[in-house]
Amino acid sequence: MTNTTGFRNTAVGVQALGNLVSGFDNIAIWLNAGFSLNSGEARNIDIDHSGVAGENATLRIGTLQTRTVIAGIHGGGRRRNGNSTGLYKQRGPARHVRFFPPV
């Protein structure tokens, strides 16, 4: 990490946040995670993903996965796009999944 003016960044893995010169509250885990972040990005979490320059407050996990299972997402009166097991399936181009607070 070449961060010279940023603060509270965490990098775990070879070249994680390797190009970040400034920015704060970024977390990068795994080989080259957050490598695309370079100047002023904040509050990103990149796990096994290079991230996107200029992006803020974004969570990116992986690059080659074809399915996602997140425990405890279904039920609770919240609007969901997954099935009862918490499994999300994607068809076609990537889609954004939004979670809404309890009603």
C-alpha atoms as a PDB file:
ATOM      1  CA  MET A   1       0.000   0.000   0.000  1.00  0.00           C
ATOM      2  CA  THR A   2       1.420   3.398  -1.005  1.00  0.00           C
ATOM      3  CA  ASN A   3      -1.102   5.386   1.012  1.00  0.00           C
ATOM      4  CA  THR A   4       0.618   8.627   2.024  1.00  0.00           C
ATOM      5  CA  THR A   5      -2.218  10.953   3.109  1.00  0.00           C
ATOM      6  CA  GLY A   6      -5.099   8.585   3.834  1.00  0.00           C
ATOM      7  CA  PHE A   7      -6.098   7.011   7.115  1.00  0.00           C
ATOM      8  CA  ARG A   8      -7.881   4.011   8.665  1.00  0.00           C
ATOM      9  CA  ASN A   9      -7.298   1.759   5.625  1.00  0.00           C
ATOM     10  CA  THR A  10      -6.779  -1.983   6.055  1.00  0.00           C
ATOM     11  CA  ALA A  11      -5.021  -4.152   3.461  1.00  0.00           C
ATOM     12  CA  VAL A  12      -4.522  -7.913   3.811  1.00  0.00           C
ATOM     13  CA  GLY A  13      -2.861  -9.712   0.894  1.00  0.00           C
ATOM     14  CA  VAL A  14      -0.182  -9.142  -1.717  1.00  0.00           C
ATOM     15  CA  GLN A  15      -0.736  -5.772  -3.456  1.00  0.00           C
ATOM     16  CA  ALA A  16      -4.023  -5.182  -1.602  1.00  0.00           C
ATOM     17  CA  LEU A  17      -4.712  -1.431  -1.924  1.00  0.00           C
ATOM     18  CA  GLY A  18      -1.382  -1.319  -3.776  1.00  0.00           C
ATOM     19  CA  ASN A  19      -2.169   1.870  -5.736  1.00  0.00           C
ATOM     20  CA  LEU A  20      -4.068   3.806  -3.067  1.00  0.00           C
ATOM     21  CA  VAL A  21      -2.320   7.126  -2.426  1.00  0.00           C
ATOM     22  CA  SER A  22      -5.068   8.798  -0.388  1.00  0.00           C
ATOM     23  CA  GLY A  23      -8.462   7.790   0.918  1.00  0.00           C
ATOM     24  CA  PHE A  24      -9.901   6.476   4.138  1.00  0.00           C
ATOM     25  CA  ASP A  25     -11.853   3.639   5.739  1.00  0.00           C
ATOM     26  CA  ASN A  26     -11.142   1.199   2.877  1.00  0.00           C
ATOM     27  CA  ILE A  27     -10.757  -2.532   3.492  1.00  0.00           C
ATOM     28  CA  ALA A  28      -9.156  -4.868   0.947  1.00  0.00           C
ATOM     29  CA  ILE A  29      -8.646  -8.592   1.480  1.00  0.00           C
ATOM     30  CA  TRP A  30      -6.875 -11.020  -0.858  1.00  0.00           C
ATOM     31  CA  LEU A  31      -4.423 -10.845  -3.764  1.00  0.00           C
ATOM     32  CA  ASN A  32      -4.697  -7.456  -5.576  1.00  0.00           C
ATOM     33  CA  ALA A  33      -7.897  -6.577  -3.710  1.00  0.00           C
ATOM     34  CA  GLY A  34      -8.677  -2.877  -4.014  1.00  0.00           C
ATOM     35  CA  PHE A  35      -5.769  -2.433  -6.438  1.00  0.00           C
ATOM     36  CA  SER A  36      -7.810  -0.141  -8.730  1.00  0.00           C
ATOM     37  CA  LEU A  37      -8.490   2.337  -5.930  1.00  0.00           C
ATOM     38  CA  ASN A  38      -5.982   5.154  -6.277  1.00  0.00           C
ATOM     39  CA  SER A  39      -6.902   8.584  -4.949  1.00  0.00           C
ATOM     40  CA  GLY A  40      -9.498   9.718  -2.462  1.00  0.00           C
ATOM     41  CA  GLU A  41     -11.784   6.682  -2.433  1.00  0.00           C
ATOM     42  CA  ALA A  42     -13.517   6.046   0.892  1.00  0.00           C
ATOM     43  CA  ARG A  43     -15.535   3.408   2.742  1.00  0.00           C
ATOM     44  CA  ASN A  44     -15.060   0.603   0.205  1.00  0.00           C
ATOM     45  CA  ILE A  45     -14.763  -3.082   1.038  1.00  0.00           C
ATOM     46  CA  ASP A  46     -13.111  -5.178  -1.663  1.00  0.00           C
ATOM     47  CA  ILE A  47     -12.745  -8.898  -1.014  1.00  0.00           C
ATOM     48  CA  ASP A  48     -10.999 -10.770  -3.847  1.00  0.00           C
ATOM     49  CA  HIS A  49     -11.933  -7.894  -6.192  1.00  0.00           C
ATOM     50  CA  SER A  50      -9.749  -5.108  -7.594  1.00  0.00           C
ATOM     51  CA  GLY A  51     -12.405  -2.457  -6.950  1.00  0.00           C
ATOM     52  CA  VAL A  52     -13.304   0.472  -9.202  1.00  0.00           C
ATOM     53  CA  ALA A  53     -11.392   3.762  -9.238  1.00  0.00           C
ATOM     54  CA  GLY A  54     -13.455   6.718  -8.055  1.00  0.00           C
ATOM     55  CA  GLU A  55     -16.048   4.544  -6.327  1.00  0.00           C
ATOM     56  CA  ASN A  56     -17.089   5.151  -2.715  1.00  0.00           C
ATOM     57  CA  ALA A  57     -19.087   3.267  -0.080  1.00  0.00           C
ATOM     58  CA  THR A  58     -19.257   0.066  -2.142  1.00  0.00           C
ATOM     59  CA  LEU A  59     -18.898  -3.607  -1.210  1.00  0.00           C
ATOM     60  CA  ARG A  60     -17.460  -5.897  -3.892  1.00  0.00           C
ATOM     61  CA  ILE A  61     -16.843  -9.589  -3.290  1.00  0.00           C
ATOM     62  CA  GLY A  62     -15.114 -11.830  -5.826  1.00  0.00           C
ATOM     63  CA  THR A  63     -14.961 -11.835  -9.602  1.00  0.00           C
ATOM     64  CA  LEU A  64     -15.660 -15.393 -10.763  1.00  0.00           C
ATOM     65  CA  GLN A  65     -18.470 -16.580  -8.497  1.00  0.00           C
ATOM     66  CA  THR A  66     -21.728 -17.751 -10.043  1.00  0.00           C
ATOM     67  CA  ARG A  67     -23.916 -17.864  -6.922  1.00  0.00           C
ATOM     68  CA  THR A  68     -24.256 -16.172  -3.559  1.00  0.00           C
ATOM     69  CA  VAL A  69     -25.545 -17.604  -0.304  1.00  0.00           C
ATOM     70  CA  ILE A  70     -25.971 -15.231   2.618  1.00  0.00           C
ATOM     71  CA  ALA A  71     -27.319 -16.646   5.855  1.00  0.00           C
ATOM     72  CA  GLY A  72     -30.284 -14.992   7.520  1.00  0.00           C
ATOM     73  CA  ILE A  73     -31.505 -12.834   4.642  1.00  0.00           C
ATOM     74  CA  HIS A  74     -34.991 -14.217   4.011  1.00  0.00           C
ATOM     75  CA  GLY A  75     -38.039 -13.459   6.164  1.00  0.00           C
ATOM     76  CA  GLY A  76     -38.378 -10.808   8.821  1.00  0.00           C
ATOM     77  CA  GLY A  77     -40.903  -8.749   6.861  1.00  0.00           C
ATOM     78  CA  ARG A  78     -38.273  -7.442   4.459  1.00  0.00           C
ATOM     79  CA  ARG A  79     -38.506  -7.307   0.690  1.00  0.00           C
ATOM     80  CA  ARG A  80     -36.074  -9.816  -0.841  1.00  0.00           C
ATOM     81  CA  ASN A  81     -35.004 -11.021  -4.239  1.00  0.00           C
ATOM     82  CA  GLY A  82     -33.735 -14.414  -3.074  1.00  0.00           C
ATOM     83  CA  ASN A  83     -35.475 -17.676  -2.296  1.00  0.00           C
ATOM     84  CA  SER A  84     -36.176 -19.158   1.147  1.00  0.00           C
ATOM     85  CA  THR A  85     -32.622 -20.496   1.506  1.00  0.00           C
ATOM     86  CA  GLY A  86     -31.018 -17.096   0.908  1.00  0.00           C
ATOM     87  CA  LEU A  87     -29.732 -18.232  -2.506  1.00  0.00           C
ATOM     88  CA  TYR A  88     -29.654 -15.528  -5.163  1.00  0.00           C
ATOM     89  CA  LYS A  89     -29.556 -16.542  -8.806  1.00  0.00           C
ATOM     90  CA  GLN A  90     -28.512 -14.285 -11.614  1.00  0.00           C
ATOM     91  CA  ARG A  91     -29.571 -14.639 -15.218  1.00  0.00           C
ATOM     92  CA  GLY A  92     -28.047 -12.485 -17.924  1.00  0.00           C
ATOM     93  CA  PRO A  93     -26.082  -9.332 -17.093  1.00  0.00           C
ATOM     94  CA  ALA A  94     -25.252  -8.418 -13.507  1.00  0.00           C
ATOM     95  CA  ARG A  95     -28.084  -6.868 -11.512  1.00  0.00           C
ATOM     96  CA  HIS A  96     -28.045  -4.737  -8.405  1.00  0.00           C
ATOM     97  CA  VAL A  97     -29.778  -6.265  -5.389  1.00  0.00           C
ATOM     98  CA  ARG A  98     -31.222  -3.764  -2.924  1.00  0.00           C
ATOM     99  CA  PHE A  99     -32.245  -4.551   0.600  1.00  0.00           C
ATOM    100  CA  PHE A 100     -34.937  -2.561   2.306  1.00  0.00           C
ATOM    101  CA  PRO A 101     -35.353  -1.943   6.057  1.00  0.00           C
ATOM    102  CA  PRO A 102     -38.118  -3.768   7.923  1.00  0.00           C
ATOM    103  CA  VAL A 103     -41.613  -2.518   7.208  1.00  0.00           C
END
